[in-house]
Amino acid sequence: MKGKISPFLKISITNESMRASSFLKQCEVAAQKDDGIISKEEQEVLKKLKKAIQDYVKTLDKLTD
């Protein structure tokens, strides 16, 4: 990205990227809470979530380059 952004904005973007990754981990743990396994339906949801979060984090990373 051209130009310089505020270091505070960069830190906020980095924090959001880490928060999004943490959210995915929380969802994976939550999927196992009720019966100790991840069902096929839960796997599908987690797969879609993972893709969406990866795309989101990739976009955030581009903003700080």
PDB file of N, CA and C in Angstrom:
ATOM      1  N   MET A   1       0.844  -1.172   0.000  1.00  0.00           N
ATOM      2  CA  MET A   1       0.000   0.000   0.000  1.00  0.00           C
ATOM      3  C   MET A   1       0.892   1.239   0.000  1.00  0.00           C
ATOM      4  N   LYS A   2       0.574   2.182  -0.845  1.00  0.00           N
ATOM      5  CA  LYS A   2       1.387   3.389  -0.944  1.00  0.00           C
ATOM      6  C   LYS A   2       1.097   4.320   0.227  1.00  0.00           C
ATOM      7  N   GLY A   3       2.111   5.093   0.586  1.00  0.00           N
ATOM      8  CA  GLY A   3       1.955   6.034   1.682  1.00  0.00           C
ATOM      9  C   GLY A   3       2.207   5.364   3.020  1.00  0.00           C
ATOM     10  N   LYS A   4       2.289   6.203   4.024  1.00  0.00           N
ATOM     11  CA  LYS A   4       2.566   5.698   5.365  1.00  0.00           C
ATOM     12  C   LYS A   4       1.304   5.811   6.206  1.00  0.00           C
ATOM     13  N   ILE A   5       1.012   4.744   6.940  1.00  0.00           N
ATOM     14  CA  ILE A   5      -0.138   4.789   7.832  1.00  0.00           C
ATOM     15  C   ILE A   5       0.344   4.934   9.269  1.00  0.00           C
ATOM     16  N   SER A   6      -0.533   5.415  10.080  1.00  0.00           N
ATOM     17  CA  SER A   6      -0.234   5.614  11.494  1.00  0.00           C
ATOM     18  C   SER A   6       0.183   4.286  12.132  1.00  0.00           C
ATOM     19  N   PRO A   7       1.194   4.312  12.981  1.00  0.00           N
ATOM     20  CA  PRO A   7       1.580   3.076  13.676  1.00  0.00           C
ATOM     21  C   PRO A   7       0.446   2.549  14.554  1.00  0.00           C
ATOM     22  N   PHE A   8      -0.403   3.438  15.040  1.00  0.00           N
ATOM     23  CA  PHE A   8      -1.530   3.018  15.873  1.00  0.00           C
ATOM     24  C   PHE A   8      -2.567   2.270  15.036  1.00  0.00           C
ATOM     25  N   LEU A   9      -2.782   2.738  13.816  1.00  0.00           N
ATOM     26  CA  LEU A   9      -3.695   2.049  12.904  1.00  0.00           C
ATOM     27  C   LEU A   9      -3.122   0.687  12.532  1.00  0.00           C
ATOM     28  N   LYS A  10      -1.830   0.637  12.284  1.00  0.00           N
ATOM     29  CA  LYS A  10      -1.186  -0.627  11.946  1.00  0.00           C
ATOM     30  C   LYS A  10      -1.330  -1.636  13.090  1.00  0.00           C
ATOM     31  N   ILE A  11      -1.149  -1.185  14.313  1.00  0.00           N
ATOM     32  CA  ILE A  11      -1.296  -2.059  15.477  1.00  0.00           C
ATOM     33  C   ILE A  11      -2.740  -2.544  15.592  1.00  0.00           C
ATOM     34  N   SER A  12      -3.698  -1.660  15.344  1.00  0.00           N
ATOM     35  CA  SER A  12      -5.109  -2.048  15.405  1.00  0.00           C
ATOM     36  C   SER A  12      -5.433  -3.104  14.362  1.00  0.00           C
ATOM     37  N   ILE A  13      -4.896  -2.953  13.177  1.00  0.00           N
ATOM     38  CA  ILE A  13      -5.125  -3.936  12.110  1.00  0.00           C
ATOM     39  C   ILE A  13      -4.489  -5.270  12.480  1.00  0.00           C
ATOM     40  N   THR A  14      -3.289  -5.224  13.017  1.00  0.00           N
ATOM     41  CA  THR A  14      -2.608  -6.448  13.444  1.00  0.00           C
ATOM     42  C   THR A  14      -3.396  -7.139  14.556  1.00  0.00           C
ATOM     43  N   ASN A  15      -3.900  -6.368  15.503  1.00  0.00           N
ATOM     44  CA  ASN A  15      -4.705  -6.937  16.592  1.00  0.00           C
ATOM     45  C   ASN A  15      -5.966  -7.602  16.053  1.00  0.00           C
ATOM     46  N   GLU A  16      -6.594  -6.975  15.088  1.00  0.00           N
ATOM     47  CA  GLU A  16      -7.810  -7.550  14.506  1.00  0.00           C
ATOM     48  C   GLU A  16      -7.498  -8.856  13.787  1.00  0.00           C
ATOM     49  N   SER A  17      -6.373  -8.903  13.127  1.00  0.00           N
ATOM     50  CA  SER A  17      -5.946 -10.126  12.438  1.00  0.00           C
ATOM     51  C   SER A  17      -5.767 -11.264  13.449  1.00  0.00           C
ATOM     52  N   MET A  18      -5.131 -10.977  14.554  1.00  0.00           N
ATOM     53  CA  MET A  18      -4.925 -11.992  15.592  1.00  0.00           C
ATOM     54  C   MET A  18      -6.246 -12.391  16.240  1.00  0.00           C
ATOM     55  N   ARG A  19      -7.136 -11.430  16.436  1.00  0.00           N
ATOM     56  CA  ARG A  19      -8.439 -11.714  17.028  1.00  0.00           C
ATOM     57  C   ARG A  19      -9.262 -12.639  16.131  1.00  0.00           C
ATOM     58  N   ALA A  20      -9.191 -12.405  14.830  1.00  0.00           N
ATOM     59  CA  ALA A  20      -9.928 -13.244  13.882  1.00  0.00           C
ATOM     60  C   ALA A  20      -9.410 -14.683  13.922  1.00  0.00           C
ATOM     61  N   SER A  21      -8.098 -14.832  13.987  1.00  0.00           N
ATOM     62  CA  SER A  21      -7.515 -16.176  14.068  1.00  0.00           C
ATOM     63  C   SER A  21      -7.904 -16.864  15.372  1.00  0.00           C
ATOM     64  N   SER A  22      -7.944 -16.113  16.441  1.00  0.00           N
ATOM     65  CA  SER A  22      -8.342 -16.643  17.736  1.00  0.00           C
ATOM     66  C   SER A  22      -9.816 -17.067  17.715  1.00  0.00           C
ATOM     67  N   PHE A  23     -10.649 -16.302  17.037  1.00  0.00           N
ATOM     68  CA  PHE A  23     -12.064 -16.628  16.917  1.00  0.00           C
ATOM     69  C   PHE A  23     -12.244 -17.994  16.254  1.00  0.00           C
ATOM     70  N   LEU A  24     -11.472 -18.274  15.222  1.00  0.00           N
ATOM     71  CA  LEU A  24     -11.562 -19.569  14.550  1.00  0.00           C
ATOM     72  C   LEU A  24     -11.220 -20.700  15.521  1.00  0.00           C
ATOM     73  N   LYS A  25     -10.163 -20.526  16.298  1.00  0.00           N
ATOM     74  CA  LYS A  25      -9.783 -21.542  17.289  1.00  0.00           C
ATOM     75  C   LYS A  25     -10.906 -21.749  18.313  1.00  0.00           C
ATOM     76  N   GLN A  26     -11.518 -20.664  18.759  1.00  0.00           N
ATOM     77  CA  GLN A  26     -12.614 -20.756  19.715  1.00  0.00           C
ATOM     78  C   GLN A  26     -13.782 -21.547  19.124  1.00  0.00           C
ATOM     79  N   CYS A  27     -14.067 -21.332  17.858  1.00  0.00           N
ATOM     80  CA  CYS A  27     -15.151 -22.061  17.198  1.00  0.00           C
ATOM     81  C   CYS A  27     -14.830 -23.548  17.092  1.00  0.00           C
ATOM     82  N   GLU A  28     -13.582 -23.873  16.813  1.00  0.00           N
ATOM     83  CA  GLU A  28     -13.176 -25.276  16.737  1.00  0.00           C
ATOM     84  C   GLU A  28     -13.352 -25.971  18.089  1.00  0.00           C
ATOM     85  N   VAL A  29     -12.975 -25.287  19.152  1.00  0.00           N
ATOM     86  CA  VAL A  29     -13.134 -25.841  20.498  1.00  0.00           C
ATOM     87  C   VAL A  29     -14.621 -25.961  20.833  1.00  0.00           C
ATOM     88  N   ALA A  30     -15.398 -24.949  20.491  1.00  0.00           N
ATOM     89  CA  ALA A  30     -16.832 -24.966  20.788  1.00  0.00           C
ATOM     90  C   ALA A  30     -17.543 -26.109  20.071  1.00  0.00           C
ATOM     91  N   ALA A  31     -17.095 -26.442  18.874  1.00  0.00           N
ATOM     92  CA  ALA A  31     -17.723 -27.526  18.112  1.00  0.00           C
ATOM     93  C   ALA A  31     -17.559 -28.874  18.816  1.00  0.00           C
ATOM     94  N   GLN A  32     -16.551 -28.999  19.647  1.00  0.00           N
ATOM     95  CA  GLN A  32     -16.296 -30.251  20.356  1.00  0.00           C
ATOM     96  C   GLN A  32     -16.917 -30.290  21.749  1.00  0.00           C
ATOM     97  N   LYS A  33     -17.401 -29.177  22.232  1.00  0.00           N
ATOM     98  CA  LYS A  33     -17.865 -29.077  23.621  1.00  0.00           C
ATOM     99  C   LYS A  33     -19.034 -29.991  23.956  1.00  0.00           C
ATOM    100  N   ASP A  34     -20.003 -30.123  23.073  1.00  0.00           N
ATOM    101  CA  ASP A  34     -21.203 -30.862  23.453  1.00  0.00           C
ATOM    102  C   ASP A  34     -21.008 -32.369  23.522  1.00  0.00           C
ATOM    103  N   ASP A  35     -20.258 -32.943  22.569  1.00  0.00           N
ATOM    104  CA  ASP A  35     -20.113 -34.400  22.562  1.00  0.00           C
ATOM    105  C   ASP A  35     -18.674 -34.884  22.361  1.00  0.00           C
ATOM    106  N   GLY A  36     -17.745 -33.962  22.315  1.00  0.00           N
ATOM    107  CA  GLY A  36     -16.339 -34.335  22.194  1.00  0.00           C
ATOM    108  C   GLY A  36     -15.855 -34.597  20.778  1.00  0.00           C
ATOM    109  N   ILE A  37     -16.756 -34.522  19.805  1.00  0.00           N
ATOM    110  CA  ILE A  37     -16.356 -34.723  18.412  1.00  0.00           C
ATOM    111  C   ILE A  37     -16.904 -33.588  17.548  1.00  0.00           C
ATOM    112  N   ILE A  38     -16.324 -33.443  16.382  1.00  0.00           N
ATOM    113  CA  ILE A  38     -16.803 -32.452  15.423  1.00  0.00           C
ATOM    114  C   ILE A  38     -17.605 -33.203  14.361  1.00  0.00           C
ATOM    115  N   SER A  39     -18.886 -32.897  14.279  1.00  0.00           N
ATOM    116  CA  SER A  39     -19.764 -33.569  13.322  1.00  0.00           C
ATOM    117  C   SER A  39     -19.460 -33.107  11.892  1.00  0.00           C
ATOM    118  N   LYS A  40     -20.019 -33.821  10.939  1.00  0.00           N
ATOM    119  CA  LYS A  40     -19.828 -33.464   9.536  1.00  0.00           C
ATOM    120  C   LYS A  40     -20.367 -32.055   9.262  1.00  0.00           C
ATOM    121  N   GLU A  41     -21.511 -31.745   9.833  1.00  0.00           N
ATOM    122  CA  GLU A  41     -22.107 -30.419   9.658  1.00  0.00           C
ATOM    123  C   GLU A  41     -21.216 -29.334  10.257  1.00  0.00           C
ATOM    124  N   GLU A  42     -20.690 -29.616  11.438  1.00  0.00           N
ATOM    125  CA  GLU A  42     -19.790 -28.659  12.089  1.00  0.00           C
ATOM    126  C   GLU A  42     -18.508 -28.502  11.285  1.00  0.00           C
ATOM    127  N   GLN A  43     -18.010 -29.586  10.707  1.00  0.00           N
ATOM    128  CA  GLN A  43     -16.809 -29.503   9.868  1.00  0.00           C
ATOM    129  C   GLN A  43     -17.041 -28.594   8.673  1.00  0.00           C
ATOM    130  N   GLU A  44     -18.223 -28.687   8.081  1.00  0.00           N
ATOM    131  CA  GLU A  44     -18.553 -27.832   6.931  1.00  0.00           C
ATOM    132  C   GLU A  44     -18.586 -26.362   7.334  1.00  0.00           C
ATOM    133  N   VAL A  45     -19.205 -26.089   8.475  1.00  0.00           N
ATOM    134  CA  VAL A  45     -19.267 -24.711   8.964  1.00  0.00           C
ATOM    135  C   VAL A  45     -17.861 -24.196   9.262  1.00  0.00           C
ATOM    136  N   LEU A  46     -17.056 -25.015   9.932  1.00  0.00           N
ATOM    137  CA  LEU A  46     -15.684 -24.612  10.267  1.00  0.00           C
ATOM    138  C   LEU A  46     -14.847 -24.396   9.016  1.00  0.00           C
ATOM    139  N   LYS A  47     -15.053 -25.217   8.007  1.00  0.00           N
ATOM    140  CA  LYS A  47     -14.320 -25.070   6.745  1.00  0.00           C
ATOM    141  C   LYS A  47     -14.645 -23.726   6.088  1.00  0.00           C
ATOM    142  N   LYS A  48     -15.941 -23.373   6.072  1.00  0.00           N
ATOM    143  CA  LYS A  48     -16.360 -22.093   5.490  1.00  0.00           C
ATOM    144  C   LYS A  48     -15.849 -20.921   6.315  1.00  0.00           C
ATOM    145  N   LEU A  49     -15.910 -21.066   7.635  1.00  0.00           N
ATOM    146  CA  LEU A  49     -15.389 -20.028   8.525  1.00  0.00           C
ATOM    147  C   LEU A  49     -13.898 -19.819   8.312  1.00  0.00           C
ATOM    148  N   LYS A  50     -13.169 -20.931   8.207  1.00  0.00           N
ATOM    149  CA  LYS A  50     -11.720 -20.852   8.023  1.00  0.00           C
ATOM    150  C   LYS A  50     -11.384 -20.101   6.737  1.00  0.00           C
ATOM    151  N   LYS A  51     -12.086 -20.413   5.662  1.00  0.00           N
ATOM    152  CA  LYS A  51     -11.837 -19.751   4.380  1.00  0.00           C
ATOM    153  C   LYS A  51     -12.132 -18.257   4.486  1.00  0.00           C
ATOM    154  N   ALA A  52     -13.269 -17.918   5.083  1.00  0.00           N
ATOM    155  CA  ALA A  52     -13.650 -16.516   5.223  1.00  0.00           C
ATOM    156  C   ALA A  52     -12.639 -15.744   6.078  1.00  0.00           C
ATOM    157  N   ILE A  53     -12.211 -16.365   7.170  1.00  0.00           N
ATOM    158  CA  ILE A  53     -11.254 -15.707   8.062  1.00  0.00           C
ATOM    159  C   ILE A  53      -9.896 -15.565   7.391  1.00  0.00           C
ATOM    160  N   GLN A  54      -9.462 -16.584   6.661  1.00  0.00           N
ATOM    161  CA  GLN A  54      -8.193 -16.490   5.939  1.00  0.00           C
ATOM    162  C   GLN A  54      -8.227 -15.354   4.918  1.00  0.00           C
ATOM    163  N   ASP A  55      -9.341 -15.217   4.209  1.00  0.00           N
ATOM    164  CA  ASP A  55      -9.487 -14.128   3.237  1.00  0.00           C
ATOM    165  C   ASP A  55      -9.461 -12.766   3.937  1.00  0.00           C
ATOM    166  N   TYR A  56     -10.159 -12.688   5.064  1.00  0.00           N
ATOM    167  CA  TYR A  56     -10.210 -11.455   5.838  1.00  0.00           C
ATOM    168  C   TYR A  56      -8.822 -11.055   6.339  1.00  0.00           C
ATOM    169  N   VAL A  57      -8.100 -12.022   6.910  1.00  0.00           N
ATOM    170  CA  VAL A  57      -6.759 -11.756   7.429  1.00  0.00           C
ATOM    171  C   VAL A  57      -5.816 -11.365   6.286  1.00  0.00           C
ATOM    172  N   LYS A  58      -5.964 -12.001   5.150  1.00  0.00           N
ATOM    173  CA  LYS A  58      -5.132 -11.676   3.990  1.00  0.00           C
ATOM    174  C   LYS A  58      -5.369 -10.220   3.560  1.00  0.00           C
ATOM    175  N   THR A  59      -6.626  -9.807   3.575  1.00  0.00           N
ATOM    176  CA  THR A  59      -6.959  -8.429   3.230  1.00  0.00           C
ATOM    177  C   THR A  59      -6.368  -7.454   4.246  1.00  0.00           C
ATOM    178  N   LEU A  60      -6.471  -7.796   5.531  1.00  0.00           N
ATOM    179  CA  LEU A  60      -5.902  -6.947   6.571  1.00  0.00           C
ATOM    180  C   LEU A  60      -4.383  -6.838   6.403  1.00  0.00           C
ATOM    181  N   ASP A  61      -3.741  -7.960   6.106  1.00  0.00           N
ATOM    182  CA  ASP A  61      -2.287  -7.946   5.939  1.00  0.00           C
ATOM    183  C   ASP A  61      -1.870  -7.045   4.774  1.00  0.00           C
ATOM    184  N   LYS A  62      -2.652  -7.040   3.711  1.00  0.00           N
ATOM    185  CA  LYS A  62      -2.340  -6.184   2.560  1.00  0.00           C
ATOM    186  C   LYS A  62      -2.388  -4.714   2.945  1.00  0.00           C
ATOM    187  N   LEU A  63      -3.238  -4.371   3.883  1.00  0.00           N
ATOM    188  CA  LEU A  63      -3.383  -2.982   4.295  1.00  0.00           C
ATOM    189  C   LEU A  63      -2.152  -2.462   5.039  1.00  0.00           C
ATOM    190  N   THR A  64      -1.416  -3.355   5.641  1.00  0.00           N
ATOM    191  CA  THR A  64      -0.258  -2.932   6.428  1.00  0.00           C
ATOM    192  C   THR A  64       1.067  -3.123   5.698  1.00  0.00           C
ATOM    193  N   ASP A  65       1.021  -3.608   4.478  1.00  0.00           N
ATOM    194  CA  ASP A  65       2.263  -3.785   3.681  1.00  0.00           C
ATOM    195  C   ASP A  65       2.760  -2.460   3.149  1.00  0.00           C
TER     196      ASP A  65
END
